[in-house]
Amino acid sequence: MQISKKEQADIRDKLLAEKTEFNKRVTTIHQNAKNPLDADSAEQAAQIGNVAVVSALESEAVTELAHIDAALQRLESGNYGTCVSCGERISIGRLLARPASTECVDCAELDSPG
């Protein structure tokens, strides 16, 4: 089943909203990273631990941004909504819930650990 123009517009809007949110996160992380470390060594240790967590969050946000950009490209090129693993259509429910999805539910479940 083909995705309607309304569904495409809804998905595009959701992808763009998610992109805006992840861009804000990355910007906030970069702004906070400019703060120098505290002179106190115990405080520095805590701050370094925080940097590791924040770096992981930034990496996750950057990865999500790449997935969103790829989904927007697929949407524009007309091949959005096709499972990359089996070639079947991805359900509209899944696409509305996770608009950057590249796999149908069945294939995603096969790929998930445990």
PDB file of N, CA and C in Angstrom:
ATOM      1  N   MET A   1       0.840  -1.174   0.000  1.00  0.00           N
ATOM      2  CA  MET A   1       0.000   0.000   0.000  1.00  0.00           C
ATOM      3  C   MET A   1       0.889   1.242   0.000  1.00  0.00           C
ATOM      4  N   GLN A   2       0.546   2.193  -0.834  1.00  0.00           N
ATOM      5  CA  GLN A   2       1.297   3.428  -0.982  1.00  0.00           C
ATOM      6  C   GLN A   2       0.981   4.391   0.162  1.00  0.00           C
ATOM      7  N   ILE A   3       1.928   5.207   0.525  1.00  0.00           N
ATOM      8  CA  ILE A   3       1.747   6.211   1.567  1.00  0.00           C
ATOM      9  C   ILE A   3       1.043   7.415   0.942  1.00  0.00           C
ATOM     10  N   SER A   4      -0.026   7.879   1.575  1.00  0.00           N
ATOM     11  CA  SER A   4      -0.778   9.014   1.033  1.00  0.00           C
ATOM     12  C   SER A   4       0.027  10.300   1.166  1.00  0.00           C
ATOM     13  N   LYS A   5      -0.369  11.313   0.420  1.00  0.00           N
ATOM     14  CA  LYS A   5       0.295  12.619   0.490  1.00  0.00           C
ATOM     15  C   LYS A   5       0.186  13.202   1.901  1.00  0.00           C
ATOM     16  N   LYS A   6      -0.960  13.027   2.549  1.00  0.00           N
ATOM     17  CA  LYS A   6      -1.161  13.523   3.918  1.00  0.00           C
ATOM     18  C   LYS A   6      -0.210  12.813   4.868  1.00  0.00           C
ATOM     19  N   GLU A   7      -0.100  11.478   4.740  1.00  0.00           N
ATOM     20  CA  GLU A   7       0.813  10.712   5.599  1.00  0.00           C
ATOM     21  C   GLU A   7       2.260  11.133   5.354  1.00  0.00           C
ATOM     22  N   GLN A   8       2.614  11.361   4.092  1.00  0.00           N
ATOM     23  CA  GLN A   8       3.967  11.827   3.774  1.00  0.00           C
ATOM     24  C   GLN A   8       4.239  13.173   4.434  1.00  0.00           C
ATOM     25  N   ALA A   9       3.266  14.076   4.360  1.00  0.00           N
ATOM     26  CA  ALA A   9       3.430  15.398   4.973  1.00  0.00           C
ATOM     27  C   ALA A   9       3.563  15.272   6.489  1.00  0.00           C
ATOM     28  N   ASP A  10       2.754  14.398   7.099  1.00  0.00           N
ATOM     29  CA  ASP A  10       2.833  14.188   8.548  1.00  0.00           C
ATOM     30  C   ASP A  10       4.194  13.630   8.937  1.00  0.00           C
ATOM     31  N   ILE A  11       4.671  12.677   8.161  1.00  0.00           N
ATOM     32  CA  ILE A  11       5.976  12.062   8.436  1.00  0.00           C
ATOM     33  C   ILE A  11       7.093  13.083   8.252  1.00  0.00           C
ATOM     34  N   ARG A  12       7.032  13.867   7.180  1.00  0.00           N
ATOM     35  CA  ARG A  12       8.048  14.903   6.943  1.00  0.00           C
ATOM     36  C   ARG A  12       8.068  15.889   8.113  1.00  0.00           C
ATOM     37  N   ASP A  13       6.877  16.322   8.545  1.00  0.00           N
ATOM     38  CA  ASP A  13       6.791  17.247   9.675  1.00  0.00           C
ATOM     39  C   ASP A  13       7.401  16.644  10.941  1.00  0.00           C
ATOM     40  N   LYS A  14       7.114  15.366  11.178  1.00  0.00           N
ATOM     41  CA  LYS A  14       7.654  14.700  12.371  1.00  0.00           C
ATOM     42  C   LYS A  14       9.179  14.580  12.271  1.00  0.00           C
ATOM     43  N   LEU A  15       9.681  14.216  11.102  1.00  0.00           N
ATOM     44  CA  LEU A  15      11.128  14.113  10.908  1.00  0.00           C
ATOM     45  C   LEU A  15      11.804  15.471  11.119  1.00  0.00           C
ATOM     46  N   LEU A  16      11.211  16.521  10.577  1.00  0.00           N
ATOM     47  CA  LEU A  16      11.794  17.854  10.732  1.00  0.00           C
ATOM     48  C   LEU A  16      11.755  18.320  12.181  1.00  0.00           C
ATOM     49  N   ALA A  17      10.686  17.979  12.898  1.00  0.00           N
ATOM     50  CA  ALA A  17      10.603  18.333  14.327  1.00  0.00           C
ATOM     51  C   ALA A  17      11.671  17.585  15.118  1.00  0.00           C
ATOM     52  N   GLU A  18      11.853  16.294  14.821  1.00  0.00           N
ATOM     53  CA  GLU A  18      12.883  15.509  15.494  1.00  0.00           C
ATOM     54  C   GLU A  18      14.268  16.073  15.168  1.00  0.00           C
ATOM     55  N   LYS A  19      14.477  16.458  13.914  1.00  0.00           N
ATOM     56  CA  LYS A  19      15.762  17.013  13.506  1.00  0.00           C
ATOM     57  C   LYS A  19      16.056  18.294  14.288  1.00  0.00           C
ATOM     58  N   THR A  20      15.055  19.145  14.432  1.00  0.00           N
ATOM     59  CA  THR A  20      15.214  20.378  15.193  1.00  0.00           C
ATOM     60  C   THR A  20      15.598  20.074  16.638  1.00  0.00           C
ATOM     61  N   GLU A  21      14.926  19.095  17.233  1.00  0.00           N
ATOM     62  CA  GLU A  21      15.194  18.728  18.624  1.00  0.00           C
ATOM     63  C   GLU A  21      16.619  18.191  18.793  1.00  0.00           C
ATOM     64  N   PHE A  22      17.049  17.311  17.901  1.00  0.00           N
ATOM     65  CA  PHE A  22      18.408  16.764  18.008  1.00  0.00           C
ATOM     66  C   PHE A  22      19.460  17.836  17.738  1.00  0.00           C
ATOM     67  N   ASN A  23      19.194  18.755  16.808  1.00  0.00           N
ATOM     68  CA  ASN A  23      20.125  19.862  16.572  1.00  0.00           C
ATOM     69  C   ASN A  23      20.258  20.738  17.808  1.00  0.00           C
ATOM     70  N   LYS A  24      19.163  20.981  18.508  1.00  0.00           N
ATOM     71  CA  LYS A  24      19.205  21.755  19.753  1.00  0.00           C
ATOM     72  C   LYS A  24      20.064  21.041  20.790  1.00  0.00           C
ATOM     73  N   ARG A  25      19.907  19.717  20.888  1.00  0.00           N
ATOM     74  CA  ARG A  25      20.707  18.953  21.846  1.00  0.00           C
ATOM     75  C   ARG A  25      22.193  19.091  21.557  1.00  0.00           C
ATOM     76  N   VAL A  26      22.556  18.930  20.290  1.00  0.00           N
ATOM     77  CA  VAL A  26      23.970  19.013  19.911  1.00  0.00           C
ATOM     78  C   VAL A  26      24.507  20.419  20.189  1.00  0.00           C
ATOM     79  N   THR A  27      23.730  21.434  19.864  1.00  0.00           N
ATOM     80  CA  THR A  27      24.148  22.808  20.117  1.00  0.00           C
ATOM     81  C   THR A  27      24.358  23.050  21.612  1.00  0.00           C
ATOM     82  N   THR A  28      23.437  22.576  22.429  1.00  0.00           N
ATOM     83  CA  THR A  28      23.547  22.725  23.884  1.00  0.00           C
ATOM     84  C   THR A  28      24.794  22.016  24.405  1.00  0.00           C
ATOM     85  N   ILE A  29      25.031  20.824  23.915  1.00  0.00           N
ATOM     86  CA  ILE A  29      26.222  20.068  24.330  1.00  0.00           C
ATOM     87  C   ILE A  29      27.485  20.845  23.974  1.00  0.00           C
ATOM     88  N   HIS A  30      27.538  21.399  22.756  1.00  0.00           N
ATOM     89  CA  HIS A  30      28.720  22.144  22.328  1.00  0.00           C
ATOM     90  C   HIS A  30      28.910  23.405  23.165  1.00  0.00           C
ATOM     91  N   GLN A  31      27.819  24.078  23.484  1.00  0.00           N
ATOM     92  CA  GLN A  31      27.922  25.288  24.311  1.00  0.00           C
ATOM     93  C   GLN A  31      28.429  24.947  25.708  1.00  0.00           C
ATOM     94  N   ASN A  32      27.936  23.867  26.282  1.00  0.00           N
ATOM     95  CA  ASN A  32      28.362  23.471  27.627  1.00  0.00           C
ATOM     96  C   ASN A  32      29.780  22.921  27.645  1.00  0.00           C
ATOM     97  N   ALA A  33      30.241  22.398  26.540  1.00  0.00           N
ATOM     98  CA  ALA A  33      31.593  21.833  26.474  1.00  0.00           C
ATOM     99  C   ALA A  33      32.660  22.919  26.521  1.00  0.00           C
ATOM    100  N   LYS A  34      32.285  24.158  26.271  1.00  0.00           N
ATOM    101  CA  LYS A  34      33.246  25.256  26.281  1.00  0.00           C
ATOM    102  C   LYS A  34      33.639  25.666  27.694  1.00  0.00           C
ATOM    103  N   ASN A  35      32.887  25.216  28.685  1.00  0.00           N
ATOM    104  CA  ASN A  35      33.188  25.577  30.076  1.00  0.00           C
ATOM    105  C   ASN A  35      34.465  24.875  30.528  1.00  0.00           C
ATOM    106  N   PRO A  36      35.403  25.619  31.142  1.00  0.00           N
ATOM    107  CA  PRO A  36      36.656  25.006  31.597  1.00  0.00           C
ATOM    108  C   PRO A  36      36.405  24.093  32.806  1.00  0.00           C
ATOM    109  N   LEU A  37      37.322  23.162  32.998  1.00  0.00           N
ATOM    110  CA  LEU A  37      37.236  22.275  34.159  1.00  0.00           C
ATOM    111  C   LEU A  37      37.521  23.053  35.436  1.00  0.00           C
ATOM    112  N   ASP A  38      36.908  22.617  36.507  1.00  0.00           N
ATOM    113  CA  ASP A  38      37.113  23.211  37.833  1.00  0.00           C
ATOM    114  C   ASP A  38      38.550  22.956  38.284  1.00  0.00           C
ATOM    115  N   ALA A  39      39.082  23.859  39.089  1.00  0.00           N
ATOM    116  CA  ALA A  39      40.454  23.719  39.580  1.00  0.00           C
ATOM    117  C   ALA A  39      40.603  22.584  40.588  1.00  0.00           C
ATOM    118  N   ASP A  40      39.545  22.261  41.301  1.00  0.00           N
ATOM    119  CA  ASP A  40      39.562  21.201  42.319  1.00  0.00           C
ATOM    120  C   ASP A  40      39.647  19.838  41.629  1.00  0.00           C
ATOM    121  N   SER A  41      40.621  19.003  42.006  1.00  0.00           N
ATOM    122  CA  SER A  41      40.825  17.724  41.322  1.00  0.00           C
ATOM    123  C   SER A  41      39.656  16.764  41.502  1.00  0.00           C
ATOM    124  N   ALA A  42      39.016  16.757  42.672  1.00  0.00           N
ATOM    125  CA  ALA A  42      37.850  15.888  42.873  1.00  0.00           C
ATOM    126  C   ALA A  42      36.708  16.325  41.965  1.00  0.00           C
ATOM    127  N   GLU A  43      36.536  17.634  41.860  1.00  0.00           N
ATOM    128  CA  GLU A  43      35.481  18.167  40.983  1.00  0.00           C
ATOM    129  C   GLU A  43      35.815  17.873  39.521  1.00  0.00           C
ATOM    130  N   GLN A  44      37.098  17.952  39.167  1.00  0.00           N
ATOM    131  CA  GLN A  44      37.522  17.634  37.801  1.00  0.00           C
ATOM    132  C   GLN A  44      37.186  16.191  37.451  1.00  0.00           C
ATOM    133  N   ALA A  45      37.407  15.277  38.386  1.00  0.00           N
ATOM    134  CA  ALA A  45      37.104  13.864  38.134  1.00  0.00           C
ATOM    135  C   ALA A  45      35.620  13.685  37.823  1.00  0.00           C
ATOM    136  N   ALA A  46      34.778  14.348  38.592  1.00  0.00           N
ATOM    137  CA  ALA A  46      33.333  14.264  38.340  1.00  0.00           C
ATOM    138  C   ALA A  46      32.993  14.878  36.989  1.00  0.00           C
ATOM    139  N   GLN A  47      33.616  16.004  36.671  1.00  0.00           N
ATOM    140  CA  GLN A  47      33.348  16.656  35.402  1.00  0.00           C
ATOM    141  C   GLN A  47      33.803  15.802  34.222  1.00  0.00           C
ATOM    142  N   ILE A  48      34.926  15.133  34.361  1.00  0.00           N
ATOM    143  CA  ILE A  48      35.423  14.256  33.300  1.00  0.00           C
ATOM    144  C   ILE A  48      34.446  13.096  33.086  1.00  0.00           C
ATOM    145  N   GLY A  49      33.908  12.563  34.179  1.00  0.00           N
ATOM    146  CA  GLY A  49      32.887  11.522  34.055  1.00  0.00           C
ATOM    147  C   GLY A  49      31.663  12.037  33.325  1.00  0.00           C
ATOM    148  N   ASN A  50      31.274  13.265  33.627  1.00  0.00           N
ATOM    149  CA  ASN A  50      30.140  13.882  32.948  1.00  0.00           C
ATOM    150  C   ASN A  50      30.420  14.078  31.462  1.00  0.00           C
ATOM    151  N   VAL A  51      31.656  14.420  31.144  1.00  0.00           N
ATOM    152  CA  VAL A  51      32.038  14.621  29.747  1.00  0.00           C
ATOM    153  C   VAL A  51      31.846  13.323  28.959  1.00  0.00           C
ATOM    154  N   ALA A  52      32.191  12.200  29.565  1.00  0.00           N
ATOM    155  CA  ALA A  52      32.017  10.909  28.884  1.00  0.00           C
ATOM    156  C   ALA A  52      30.546  10.644  28.592  1.00  0.00           C
ATOM    157  N   VAL A  53      29.690  10.934  29.557  1.00  0.00           N
ATOM    158  CA  VAL A  53      28.251  10.729  29.364  1.00  0.00           C
ATOM    159  C   VAL A  53      27.731  11.677  28.289  1.00  0.00           C
ATOM    160  N   VAL A  54      28.127  12.926  28.369  1.00  0.00           N
ATOM    161  CA  VAL A  54      27.670  13.923  27.399  1.00  0.00           C
ATOM    162  C   VAL A  54      28.178  13.576  26.001  1.00  0.00           C
ATOM    163  N   SER A  55      29.393  13.073  25.897  1.00  0.00           N
ATOM    164  CA  SER A  55      29.933  12.668  24.598  1.00  0.00           C
ATOM    165  C   SER A  55      29.111  11.533  23.994  1.00  0.00           C
ATOM    166  N   ALA A  56      28.702  10.598  24.830  1.00  0.00           N
ATOM    167  CA  ALA A  56      27.860   9.505  24.350  1.00  0.00           C
ATOM    168  C   ALA A  56      26.507  10.036  23.871  1.00  0.00           C
ATOM    169  N   LEU A  57      25.944  10.982  24.607  1.00  0.00           N
ATOM    170  CA  LEU A  57      24.676  11.590  24.200  1.00  0.00           C
ATOM    171  C   LEU A  57      24.824  12.350  22.881  1.00  0.00           C
ATOM    172  N   GLU A  58      25.942  13.046  22.736  1.00  0.00           N
ATOM    173  CA  GLU A  58      26.177  13.763  21.485  1.00  0.00           C
ATOM    174  C   GLU A  58      26.304  12.789  20.318  1.00  0.00           C
ATOM    175  N   SER A  59      27.039  11.722  20.526  1.00  0.00           N
ATOM    176  CA  SER A  59      27.209  10.718  19.480  1.00  0.00           C
ATOM    177  C   SER A  59      25.861  10.131  19.065  1.00  0.00           C
ATOM    178  N   GLU A  60      25.024   9.844  20.055  1.00  0.00           N
ATOM    179  CA  GLU A  60      23.690   9.316  19.774  1.00  0.00           C
ATOM    180  C   GLU A  60      22.858  10.323  18.979  1.00  0.00           C
ATOM    181  N   ALA A  61      22.925  11.599  19.350  1.00  0.00           N
ATOM    182  CA  ALA A  61      22.168  12.637  18.655  1.00  0.00           C
ATOM    183  C   ALA A  61      22.642  12.785  17.210  1.00  0.00           C
ATOM    184  N   VAL A  62      23.953  12.750  16.999  1.00  0.00           N
ATOM    185  CA  VAL A  62      24.506  12.871  15.653  1.00  0.00           C
ATOM    186  C   VAL A  62      24.078  11.682  14.787  1.00  0.00           C
ATOM    187  N   THR A  63      24.069  10.497  15.372  1.00  0.00           N
ATOM    188  CA  THR A  63      23.616   9.307  14.653  1.00  0.00           C
ATOM    189  C   THR A  63      22.144   9.441  14.272  1.00  0.00           C
ATOM    190  N   GLU A  64      21.322   9.889  15.207  1.00  0.00           N
ATOM    191  CA  GLU A  64      19.898  10.092  14.922  1.00  0.00           C
ATOM    192  C   GLU A  64      19.700  11.129  13.823  1.00  0.00           C
ATOM    193  N   LEU A  65      20.487  12.196  13.849  1.00  0.00           N
ATOM    194  CA  LEU A  65      20.392  13.205  12.796  1.00  0.00           C
ATOM    195  C   LEU A  65      20.703  12.606  11.426  1.00  0.00           C
ATOM    196  N   ALA A  66      21.687  11.736  11.363  1.00  0.00           N
ATOM    197  CA  ALA A  66      22.021  11.074  10.094  1.00  0.00           C
ATOM    198  C   ALA A  66      20.867  10.189   9.627  1.00  0.00           C
ATOM    199  N   HIS A  67      20.230   9.463  10.555  1.00  0.00           N
ATOM    200  CA  HIS A  67      19.078   8.618  10.204  1.00  0.00           C
ATOM    201  C   HIS A  67      17.915   9.474   9.702  1.00  0.00           C
ATOM    202  N   ILE A  68      17.701  10.604  10.352  1.00  0.00           N
ATOM    203  CA  ILE A  68      16.619  11.506   9.956  1.00  0.00           C
ATOM    204  C   ILE A  68      16.893  12.080   8.569  1.00  0.00           C
ATOM    205  N   ASP A  69      18.121  12.533   8.330  1.00  0.00           N
ATOM    206  CA  ASP A  69      18.467  13.073   7.010  1.00  0.00           C
ATOM    207  C   ASP A  69      18.300  12.014   5.922  1.00  0.00           C
ATOM    208  N   ALA A  70      18.696  10.786   6.218  1.00  0.00           N
ATOM    209  CA  ALA A  70      18.537   9.695   5.250  1.00  0.00           C
ATOM    210  C   ALA A  70      17.054   9.431   4.978  1.00  0.00           C
ATOM    211  N   ALA A  71      16.230   9.465   6.025  1.00  0.00           N
ATOM    212  CA  ALA A  71      14.789   9.251   5.848  1.00  0.00           C
ATOM    213  C   ALA A  71      14.184  10.368   5.004  1.00  0.00           C
ATOM    214  N   LEU A  72      14.595  11.611   5.254  1.00  0.00           N
ATOM    215  CA  LEU A  72      14.095  12.731   4.449  1.00  0.00           C
ATOM    216  C   LEU A  72      14.499  12.566   2.981  1.00  0.00           C
ATOM    217  N   GLN A  73      15.706  12.086   2.740  1.00  0.00           N
ATOM    218  CA  GLN A  73      16.157  11.844   1.362  1.00  0.00           C
ATOM    219  C   GLN A  73      15.324  10.747   0.700  1.00  0.00           C
ATOM    220  N   ARG A  74      15.041   9.667   1.455  1.00  0.00           N
ATOM    221  CA  ARG A  74      14.213   8.593   0.902  1.00  0.00           C
ATOM    222  C   ARG A  74      12.807   9.099   0.605  1.00  0.00           C
ATOM    223  N   LEU A  75      12.298   9.935   1.461  1.00  0.00           N
ATOM    224  CA  LEU A  75      10.964  10.499   1.274  1.00  0.00           C
ATOM    225  C   LEU A  75      10.927  11.343   0.002  1.00  0.00           C
ATOM    226  N   GLU A  76      11.949  12.158  -0.200  1.00  0.00           N
ATOM    227  CA  GLU A  76      12.009  13.019  -1.389  1.00  0.00           C
ATOM    228  C   GLU A  76      12.233  12.221  -2.665  1.00  0.00           C
ATOM    229  N   SER A  77      13.000  11.154  -2.579  1.00  0.00           N
ATOM    230  CA  SER A  77      13.326  10.376  -3.788  1.00  0.00           C
ATOM    231  C   SER A  77      12.235   9.370  -4.158  1.00  0.00           C
ATOM    232  N   GLY A  78      11.283   9.169  -3.244  1.00  0.00           N
ATOM    233  CA  GLY A  78      10.167   8.270  -3.565  1.00  0.00           C
ATOM    234  C   GLY A  78      10.371   6.827  -3.154  1.00  0.00           C
ATOM    235  N   ASN A  79      11.450   6.511  -2.461  1.00  0.00           N
ATOM    236  CA  ASN A  79      11.646   5.121  -2.032  1.00  0.00           C
ATOM    237  C   ASN A  79      11.518   4.959  -0.522  1.00  0.00           C
ATOM    238  N   TYR A  80      10.830   5.895   0.105  1.00  0.00           N
ATOM    239  CA  TYR A  80      10.590   5.844   1.546  1.00  0.00           C
ATOM    240  C   TYR A  80       9.551   4.774   1.858  1.00  0.00           C
ATOM    241  N   GLY A  81       9.762   4.061   2.963  1.00  0.00           N
ATOM    242  CA  GLY A  81       8.768   3.099   3.425  1.00  0.00           C
ATOM    243  C   GLY A  81       8.969   1.681   2.933  1.00  0.00           C
ATOM    244  N   THR A  82      10.099   1.425   2.301  1.00  0.00           N
ATOM    245  CA  THR A  82      10.413   0.065   1.845  1.00  0.00           C
ATOM    246  C   THR A  82      11.489  -0.507   2.755  1.00  0.00           C
ATOM    247  N   CYS A  83      11.255  -1.696   3.270  1.00  0.00           N
ATOM    248  CA  CYS A  83      12.201  -2.350   4.172  1.00  0.00           C
ATOM    249  C   CYS A  83      13.500  -2.657   3.425  1.00  0.00           C
ATOM    250  N   VAL A  84      14.623  -2.250   4.005  1.00  0.00           N
ATOM    251  CA  VAL A  84      15.919  -2.485   3.364  1.00  0.00           C
ATOM    252  C   VAL A  84      16.337  -3.947   3.437  1.00  0.00           C
ATOM    253  N   SER A  85      15.722  -4.712   4.334  1.00  0.00           N
ATOM    254  CA  SER A  85      16.096  -6.117   4.487  1.00  0.00           C
ATOM    255  C   SER A  85      15.305  -7.049   3.588  1.00  0.00           C
ATOM    256  N   CYS A  86      13.982  -6.875   3.554  1.00  0.00           N
ATOM    257  CA  CYS A  86      13.146  -7.814   2.800  1.00  0.00           C
ATOM    258  C   CYS A  86      12.474  -7.199   1.576  1.00  0.00           C
ATOM    259  N   GLY A  87      12.495  -5.878   1.457  1.00  0.00           N
ATOM    260  CA  GLY A  87      11.908  -5.212   0.297  1.00  0.00           C
ATOM    261  C   GLY A  87      10.409  -4.986   0.382  1.00  0.00           C
ATOM    262  N   GLU A  88       9.787  -5.429   1.474  1.00  0.00           N
ATOM    263  CA  GLU A  88       8.344  -5.229   1.649  1.00  0.00           C
ATOM    264  C   GLU A  88       8.076  -3.817   2.168  1.00  0.00           C
ATOM    265  N   ARG A  89       6.819  -3.402   2.069  1.00  0.00           N
ATOM    266  CA  ARG A  89       6.431  -2.097   2.591  1.00  0.00           C
ATOM    267  C   ARG A  89       6.474  -2.111   4.120  1.00  0.00           C
ATOM    268  N   ILE A  90       6.947  -1.023   4.705  1.00  0.00           N
ATOM    269  CA  ILE A  90       6.918  -0.851   6.148  1.00  0.00           C
ATOM    270  C   ILE A  90       5.538  -0.294   6.489  1.00  0.00           C
ATOM    271  N   SER A  91       4.915  -0.823   7.525  1.00  0.00           N
ATOM    272  CA  SER A  91       3.561  -0.385   7.868  1.00  0.00           C
ATOM    273  C   SER A  91       3.531   1.101   8.206  1.00  0.00           C
ATOM    274  N   ILE A  92       2.423   1.752   7.862  1.00  0.00           N
ATOM    275  CA  ILE A  92       2.288   3.175   8.134  1.00  0.00           C
ATOM    276  C   ILE A  92       2.329   3.441   9.635  1.00  0.00           C
ATOM    277  N   GLY A  93       1.816   2.523  10.435  1.00  0.00           N
ATOM    278  CA  GLY A  93       1.876   2.684  11.886  1.00  0.00           C
ATOM    279  C   GLY A  93       3.303   2.772  12.378  1.00  0.00           C
ATOM    280  N   ARG A  94       4.156   1.908  11.856  1.00  0.00           N
ATOM    281  CA  ARG A  94       5.580   1.937  12.250  1.00  0.00           C
ATOM    282  C   ARG A  94       6.236   3.222  11.773  1.00  0.00           C
ATOM    283  N   LEU A  95       5.928   3.631  10.554  1.00  0.00           N
ATOM    284  CA  LEU A  95       6.537   4.843  10.017  1.00  0.00           C
ATOM    285  C   LEU A  95       6.103   6.087  10.778  1.00  0.00           C
ATOM    286  N   LEU A  96       4.853   6.114  11.203  1.00  0.00           N
ATOM    287  CA  LEU A  96       4.384   7.256  11.981  1.00  0.00           C
ATOM    288  C   LEU A  96       5.004   7.264  13.375  1.00  0.00           C
ATOM    289  N   ALA A  97       5.210   6.068  13.935  1.00  0.00           N
ATOM    290  CA  ALA A  97       5.817   5.970  15.270  1.00  0.00           C
ATOM    291  C   ALA A  97       7.324   6.210  15.222  1.00  0.00           C
ATOM    292  N   ARG A  98       7.974   5.658  14.213  1.00  0.00           N
ATOM    293  CA  ARG A  98       9.434   5.794  14.057  1.00  0.00           C
ATOM    294  C   ARG A  98       9.712   6.156  12.600  1.00  0.00           C
ATOM    295  N   PRO A  99       9.578   7.429  12.261  1.00  0.00           N
ATOM    296  CA  PRO A  99       9.663   7.821  10.857  1.00  0.00           C
ATOM    297  C   PRO A  99      11.006   7.572  10.172  1.00  0.00           C
ATOM    298  N   ALA A 100      12.065   7.370  10.927  1.00  0.00           N
ATOM    299  CA  ALA A 100      13.369   7.093  10.310  1.00  0.00           C
ATOM    300  C   ALA A 100      13.611   5.593  10.127  1.00  0.00           C
ATOM    301  N   SER A 101      12.587   4.780  10.393  1.00  0.00           N
ATOM    302  CA  SER A 101      12.736   3.321  10.276  1.00  0.00           C
ATOM    303  C   SER A 101      13.158   2.916   8.870  1.00  0.00           C
ATOM    304  N   THR A 102      14.050   1.941   8.829  1.00  0.00           N
ATOM    305  CA  THR A 102      14.486   1.399   7.539  1.00  0.00           C
ATOM    306  C   THR A 102      14.025  -0.046   7.351  1.00  0.00           C
ATOM    307  N   GLU A 103      13.463  -0.622   8.428  1.00  0.00           N
ATOM    308  CA  GLU A 103      13.027  -2.016   8.360  1.00  0.00           C
ATOM    309  C   GLU A 103      11.587  -2.154   8.847  1.00  0.00           C
ATOM    310  N   CYS A 104      10.918  -3.165   8.307  1.00  0.00           N
ATOM    311  CA  CYS A 104       9.589  -3.507   8.795  1.00  0.00           C
ATOM    312  C   CYS A 104       9.741  -4.113  10.202  1.00  0.00           C
ATOM    313  N   VAL A 105       8.629  -4.262  10.899  1.00  0.00           N
ATOM    314  CA  VAL A 105       8.679  -4.782  12.271  1.00  0.00           C
ATOM    315  C   VAL A 105       9.303  -6.169  12.308  1.00  0.00           C
ATOM    316  N   ASP A 106       8.915  -7.041  11.378  1.00  0.00           N
ATOM    317  CA  ASP A 106       9.436  -8.416  11.383  1.00  0.00           C
ATOM    318  C   ASP A 106      10.962  -8.445  11.244  1.00  0.00           C
ATOM    319  N   CYS A 107      11.486  -7.676  10.302  1.00  0.00           N
ATOM    320  CA  CYS A 107      12.940  -7.667  10.100  1.00  0.00           C
ATOM    321  C   CYS A 107      13.657  -6.994  11.266  1.00  0.00           C
ATOM    322  N   ALA A 108      13.067  -5.950  11.804  1.00  0.00           N
ATOM    323  CA  ALA A 108      13.681  -5.271  12.960  1.00  0.00           C
ATOM    324  C   ALA A 108      13.755  -6.209  14.155  1.00  0.00           C
ATOM    325  N   GLU A 109      12.717  -7.014  14.345  1.00  0.00           N
ATOM    326  CA  GLU A 109      12.720  -7.970  15.447  1.00  0.00           C
ATOM    327  C   GLU A 109      13.759  -9.059  15.237  1.00  0.00           C
ATOM    328  N   LEU A 110      13.981  -9.465  14.005  1.00  0.00           N
ATOM    329  CA  LEU A 110      15.007 -10.473  13.705  1.00  0.00           C
ATOM    330  C   LEU A 110      16.402  -9.926  13.991  1.00  0.00           C
ATOM    331  N   ASP A 111      16.579  -8.625  13.758  1.00  0.00           N
ATOM    332  CA  ASP A 111      17.887  -7.992  13.962  1.00  0.00           C
ATOM    333  C   ASP A 111      18.174  -7.666  15.415  1.00  0.00           C
ATOM    334  N   SER A 112      17.123  -7.582  16.248  1.00  0.00           N
ATOM    335  CA  SER A 112      17.348  -7.167  17.641  1.00  0.00           C
ATOM    336  C   SER A 112      17.939  -8.316  18.447  1.00  0.00           C
ATOM    337  N   PRO A 113      18.882  -7.978  19.340  1.00  0.00           N
ATOM    338  CA  PRO A 113      19.519  -9.018  20.163  1.00  0.00           C
ATOM    339  C   PRO A 113      18.564  -9.570  21.211  1.00  0.00           C
ATOM    340  N   GLY A 114      18.735 -10.822  21.504  1.00  0.00           N
ATOM    341  CA  GLY A 114      18.034 -11.491  22.601  1.00  0.00           C
ATOM    342  C   GLY A 114      16.620 -11.647  22.338  1.00  0.00           C
TER     343      GLY A 114
END
